[in-house]
Amino acid sequence: MEAALVFPIFVLLVFGAVEVGMSLMACNVLASAARHGARTGSVRGSTNTTVSTAMNNILSTAGITGTTTTIKVNGNTANVSSAVTGDEIRVTVSVPFSHVSPFAGSFVISQTAPISRTVIMRHE
């Protein structure tokens, strides 16, 4: 009798913990990808294609798909190849939570809630 009362609560707690863990993992992977992309973009000779490739390599290794990336130079959407020393390279990576959750956001966060990370570095 007690198990019938406790088991559903226990299952909800376990699924919730898994979903929170997956969202934290996604946050860390997105931050790493954005950091690597910003670092790649801050080096002379880089282009938006090399920045996107660097980020996609990290994201695909982690199994994260459906991401949206934004690359800006001094706050404007531009190619990093046009950046000069001291310019601000801003890289943003975001993904809907439903793409990283095994339960599609059914317990903790809505399915369309984006997870996003932004990194800013100066061009060398």
Protein backbone atom coordinates (compact mmCIF):
# COMPACT_ATOMS: atom_id res chain seq x y z
CA MET A 1 0.00 0.00 0.00
CA GLU A 2 2.75 2.47 0.91
CA ALA A 3 4.63 1.67 -2.30
CA ALA A 4 1.60 2.65 -4.36
CA LEU A 5 1.70 6.10 -2.78
CA VAL A 6 5.47 6.62 -2.80
CA PHE A 7 6.41 5.12 -6.19
CA PRO A 8 4.73 7.76 -8.42
CA ILE A 9 6.36 10.56 -6.45
CA PHE A 10 9.73 8.81 -6.63
CA VAL A 11 9.41 8.37 -10.41
CA LEU A 12 8.57 12.05 -10.87
CA LEU A 13 11.60 13.05 -8.80
CA VAL A 14 13.90 10.78 -10.81
CA PHE A 15 12.59 12.03 -14.17
CA GLY A 16 12.86 15.63 -12.95
CA ALA A 17 16.45 15.05 -11.82
CA VAL A 18 17.35 13.56 -15.20
CA GLU A 19 15.80 16.49 -17.02
CA VAL A 20 17.62 19.05 -14.86
CA GLY A 21 20.85 17.15 -15.42
CA MET A 22 20.33 17.17 -19.18
CA SER A 23 19.68 20.92 -19.17
CA LEU A 24 22.86 21.56 -17.17
CA MET A 25 24.85 19.37 -19.55
CA ALA A 26 23.43 21.29 -22.52
CA CYS A 27 24.32 24.62 -20.87
CA ASN A 28 27.92 23.48 -20.42
CA VAL A 29 28.21 22.15 -23.98
CA LEU A 30 26.72 25.34 -25.44
CA ALA A 31 29.10 27.47 -23.36
CA SER A 32 32.04 25.38 -24.53
CA ALA A 33 30.96 25.60 -28.18
CA ALA A 34 30.41 29.36 -27.95
CA ARG A 35 33.77 29.83 -26.23
CA HIS A 36 35.55 27.76 -28.88
CA GLY A 37 33.75 29.63 -31.67
CA ALA A 38 34.62 33.03 -30.19
CA ARG A 39 38.23 31.97 -29.76
CA THR A 40 38.36 30.75 -33.37
CA GLY A 41 36.78 34.00 -34.58
CA SER A 42 39.20 36.17 -32.63
CA VAL A 43 42.21 34.84 -34.55
CA ARG A 44 43.34 36.52 -37.77
CA GLY A 45 42.30 34.76 -40.96
CA SER A 46 39.08 33.30 -39.54
CA THR A 47 35.74 33.48 -41.29
CA ASN A 48 32.20 32.83 -40.12
CA THR A 49 32.43 29.42 -41.77
CA THR A 50 35.44 28.41 -39.67
CA VAL A 51 33.71 29.70 -36.54
CA SER A 52 30.53 27.72 -37.32
CA THR A 53 32.53 24.59 -38.12
CA ALA A 54 34.43 24.85 -34.83
CA MET A 55 31.17 25.17 -32.88
CA ASN A 56 29.37 22.43 -34.82
CA ASN A 57 32.21 19.98 -34.14
CA ILE A 58 31.70 20.35 -30.39
CA LEU A 59 27.90 20.30 -30.62
CA SER A 60 27.77 17.22 -32.85
CA THR A 61 30.21 15.35 -30.59
CA ALA A 62 27.81 15.97 -27.70
CA GLY A 63 24.83 14.95 -29.83
CA ILE A 64 23.13 18.34 -29.73
CA THR A 65 21.23 19.21 -32.92
CA GLY A 66 18.90 22.00 -33.99
CA THR A 67 21.11 24.81 -32.75
CA THR A 68 21.00 28.42 -33.88
CA THR A 69 24.24 30.39 -33.97
CA THR A 70 24.75 34.13 -34.26
CA ILE A 71 28.12 35.73 -34.96
CA LYS A 72 28.50 39.48 -34.52
CA VAL A 73 31.39 41.91 -34.85
CA ASN A 74 31.03 45.00 -32.66
CA GLY A 75 27.33 44.26 -32.16
CA ASN A 76 26.52 43.96 -35.88
CA THR A 77 26.04 40.79 -37.88
CA ALA A 78 29.19 40.62 -39.99
CA ASN A 79 31.92 38.26 -41.11
CA VAL A 80 34.76 37.94 -38.61
CA SER A 81 37.21 38.23 -41.51
CA SER A 82 36.36 41.96 -41.57
CA ALA A 83 37.31 42.41 -37.89
CA VAL A 84 40.43 44.33 -36.92
CA THR A 85 42.50 44.16 -33.76
CA GLY A 86 40.42 45.10 -30.73
CA ASP A 87 37.02 44.47 -32.31
CA GLU A 88 34.47 42.60 -30.22
CA ILE A 89 33.55 39.13 -31.50
CA ARG A 90 30.24 37.97 -30.01
CA VAL A 91 29.13 34.37 -30.55
CA THR A 92 25.72 33.12 -29.39
CA VAL A 93 24.56 29.51 -29.53
CA SER A 94 21.01 28.48 -28.61
CA VAL A 95 18.90 25.34 -28.82
CA PRO A 96 15.29 24.58 -27.84
CA PHE A 97 15.12 22.52 -24.66
CA SER A 98 13.12 19.85 -26.48
CA HIS A 99 16.27 19.01 -28.50
CA VAL A 100 18.29 18.07 -25.41
CA SER A 101 15.68 16.52 -23.13
CA PRO A 102 14.72 12.85 -23.32
CA PHE A 103 11.29 13.82 -21.96
CA ALA A 104 10.82 16.90 -24.19
CA GLY A 105 10.37 19.31 -21.33
CA SER A 106 7.35 17.57 -19.89
CA PHE A 107 8.40 17.93 -16.25
CA VAL A 108 10.59 20.97 -15.68
CA ILE A 109 10.76 23.41 -18.60
CA SER A 110 8.45 24.07 -21.53
CA GLN A 111 9.35 22.41 -24.81
CA THR A 112 10.11 25.68 -26.59
CA ALA A 113 12.23 27.25 -23.85
CA PRO A 114 15.61 28.05 -25.39
CA ILE A 115 18.93 27.33 -23.76
CA SER A 116 21.42 29.95 -24.90
CA ARG A 117 25.02 30.91 -24.21
CA THR A 118 26.96 33.96 -25.42
CA VAL A 119 30.72 34.53 -25.36
CA ILE A 120 32.51 37.77 -26.22
CA MET A 121 36.21 37.99 -27.09
CA ARG A 122 38.41 40.67 -28.59
CA HIS A 123 39.91 40.13 -32.04
CA GLU A 124 43.68 39.72 -31.96
